């Protein structure tokens, strides 16, 4: 007798569907499921490679710096 998992078509999931608790936007629920990534997850900076982490810190600092500059020049 063959195992039933060998009889599955390649488009069928071999495990139970895990649906996210709440998608970010219900309109994107199908697209998120199709892409396989699920809902967007919070970034854990410590798990990223060093180069990407440094670039992320630089971009974050630039955005905060531009915001502070815009606010400071607006009220002077």
C-alpha atoms as a PDB file:
ATOM      1  CA  UNK A   1       0.000   0.000   0.000  1.00  0.00           C
ATOM      2  CA  UNK A   2       1.206   3.452  -0.841  1.00  0.00           C
ATOM      3  CA  UNK A   3       1.351   6.254   1.616  1.00  0.00           C
ATOM      4  CA  UNK A   4      -1.496   8.721   1.138  1.00  0.00           C
ATOM      5  CA  UNK A   5       0.875  11.688   1.096  1.00  0.00           C
ATOM      6  CA  UNK A   6       2.324  10.391  -2.180  1.00  0.00           C
ATOM      7  CA  UNK A   7      -1.115  10.674  -3.767  1.00  0.00           C
ATOM      8  CA  UNK A   8      -1.362  14.417  -3.141  1.00  0.00           C
ATOM      9  CA  UNK A   9      -1.179  16.733  -6.102  1.00  0.00           C
ATOM     10  CA  UNK A  10       1.690  19.215  -6.010  1.00  0.00           C
ATOM     11  CA  UNK A  11      -0.705  22.128  -5.555  1.00  0.00           C
ATOM     12  CA  UNK A  12      -2.295  20.643  -2.432  1.00  0.00           C
ATOM     13  CA  UNK A  13      -0.855  21.243   0.976  1.00  0.00           C
ATOM     14  CA  UNK A  14       0.492  18.204   2.780  1.00  0.00           C
ATOM     15  CA  UNK A  15      -0.167  19.775   6.156  1.00  0.00           C
ATOM     16  CA  UNK A  16      -3.147  21.486   7.706  1.00  0.00           C
ATOM     17  CA  UNK A  17      -3.726  25.079   6.676  1.00  0.00           C
ATOM     18  CA  UNK A  18      -2.625  27.524   9.320  1.00  0.00           C
ATOM     19  CA  UNK A  19      -4.563  30.732   9.016  1.00  0.00           C
ATOM     20  CA  UNK A  20      -3.247  33.873  10.664  1.00  0.00           C
ATOM     21  CA  UNK A  21      -5.239  35.215  13.574  1.00  0.00           C
ATOM     22  CA  UNK A  22      -5.887  38.558  11.908  1.00  0.00           C
ATOM     23  CA  UNK A  23      -4.507  39.710   8.571  1.00  0.00           C
ATOM     24  CA  UNK A  24      -3.328  43.306   8.367  1.00  0.00           C
ATOM     25  CA  UNK A  25      -5.934  44.092   5.722  1.00  0.00           C
ATOM     26  CA  UNK A  26      -8.734  41.655   4.866  1.00  0.00           C
ATOM     27  CA  UNK A  27      -8.499  42.711   1.206  1.00  0.00           C
ATOM     28  CA  UNK A  28      -4.942  41.369   1.062  1.00  0.00           C
ATOM     29  CA  UNK A  29      -5.706  38.103   2.850  1.00  0.00           C
ATOM     30  CA  UNK A  30      -5.757  36.051  -0.362  1.00  0.00           C
ATOM     31  CA  UNK A  31      -2.572  37.624  -1.676  1.00  0.00           C
ATOM     32  CA  UNK A  32      -0.786  36.991   1.630  1.00  0.00           C
ATOM     33  CA  UNK A  33      -1.858  33.346   1.595  1.00  0.00           C
ATOM     34  CA  UNK A  34      -0.864  32.898  -2.064  1.00  0.00           C
ATOM     35  CA  UNK A  35       2.568  34.442  -1.528  1.00  0.00           C
ATOM     36  CA  UNK A  36       3.156  32.075   1.358  1.00  0.00           C
ATOM     37  CA  UNK A  37       4.628  34.671   3.669  1.00  0.00           C
ATOM     38  CA  UNK A  38       1.585  35.080   5.828  1.00  0.00           C
ATOM     39  CA  UNK A  39       0.988  38.374   7.504  1.00  0.00           C
ATOM     40  CA  UNK A  40       3.845  40.862   7.839  1.00  0.00           C
ATOM     41  CA  UNK A  41       5.843  40.192  10.968  1.00  0.00           C
ATOM     42  CA  UNK A  42       7.700  42.570  13.220  1.00  0.00           C
ATOM     43  CA  UNK A  43      11.384  42.869  12.329  1.00  0.00           C
ATOM     44  CA  UNK A  44      13.750  41.461  14.940  1.00  0.00           C
ATOM     45  CA  UNK A  45      16.903  43.499  14.321  1.00  0.00           C
ATOM     46  CA  UNK A  46      19.210  41.113  16.187  1.00  0.00           C
ATOM     47  CA  UNK A  47      18.478  38.251  13.781  1.00  0.00           C
ATOM     48  CA  UNK A  48      19.440  40.196  10.646  1.00  0.00           C
ATOM     49  CA  UNK A  49      22.943  40.085   9.136  1.00  0.00           C
ATOM     50  CA  UNK A  50      25.234  42.874  10.312  1.00  0.00           C
ATOM     51  CA  UNK A  51      25.309  44.761   6.992  1.00  0.00           C
ATOM     52  CA  UNK A  52      21.541  44.898   6.662  1.00  0.00           C
ATOM     53  CA  UNK A  53      21.197  45.834  10.328  1.00  0.00           C
ATOM     54  CA  UNK A  54      23.645  48.751   9.918  1.00  0.00           C
ATOM     55  CA  UNK A  55      21.797  49.963   6.804  1.00  0.00           C
ATOM     56  CA  UNK A  56      18.516  49.768   8.725  1.00  0.00           C
ATOM     57  CA  UNK A  57      19.950  51.763  11.623  1.00  0.00           C
ATOM     58  CA  UNK A  58      21.306  54.391   9.217  1.00  0.00           C
ATOM     59  CA  UNK A  59      17.970  54.753   7.402  1.00  0.00           C
ATOM     60  CA  UNK A  60      16.102  54.952  10.716  1.00  0.00           C
ATOM     61  CA  UNK A  61      18.510  57.618  11.999  1.00  0.00           C
ATOM     62  CA  UNK A  62      18.177  59.615   8.761  1.00  0.00           C
ATOM     63  CA  UNK A  63      14.382  59.551   8.918  1.00  0.00           C
ATOM     64  CA  UNK A  64      14.380  60.670  12.555  1.00  0.00           C
ATOM     65  CA  UNK A  65      16.999  63.339  11.776  1.00  0.00           C
ATOM     66  CA  UNK A  66      14.977  64.693   8.840  1.00  0.00           C
ATOM     67  CA  UNK A  67      11.851  64.754  10.986  1.00  0.00           C
ATOM     68  CA  UNK A  68      13.619  66.649  13.770  1.00  0.00           C
ATOM     69  CA  UNK A  69      15.168  69.054  11.245  1.00  0.00           C
ATOM     70  CA  UNK A  70      11.795  69.723   9.621  1.00  0.00           C
ATOM     71  CA  UNK A  71      10.151  70.329  12.970  1.00  0.00           C
ATOM     72  CA  UNK A  72      12.947  72.593  14.221  1.00  0.00           C
ATOM     73  CA  UNK A  73      13.053  74.769  11.082  1.00  0.00           C
ATOM     74  CA  UNK A  74       9.298  75.059  10.918  1.00  0.00           C
ATOM     75  CA  UNK A  75       8.993  76.741  14.307  1.00  0.00           C
ATOM     76  CA  UNK A  76      11.953  79.132  14.104  1.00  0.00           C
END
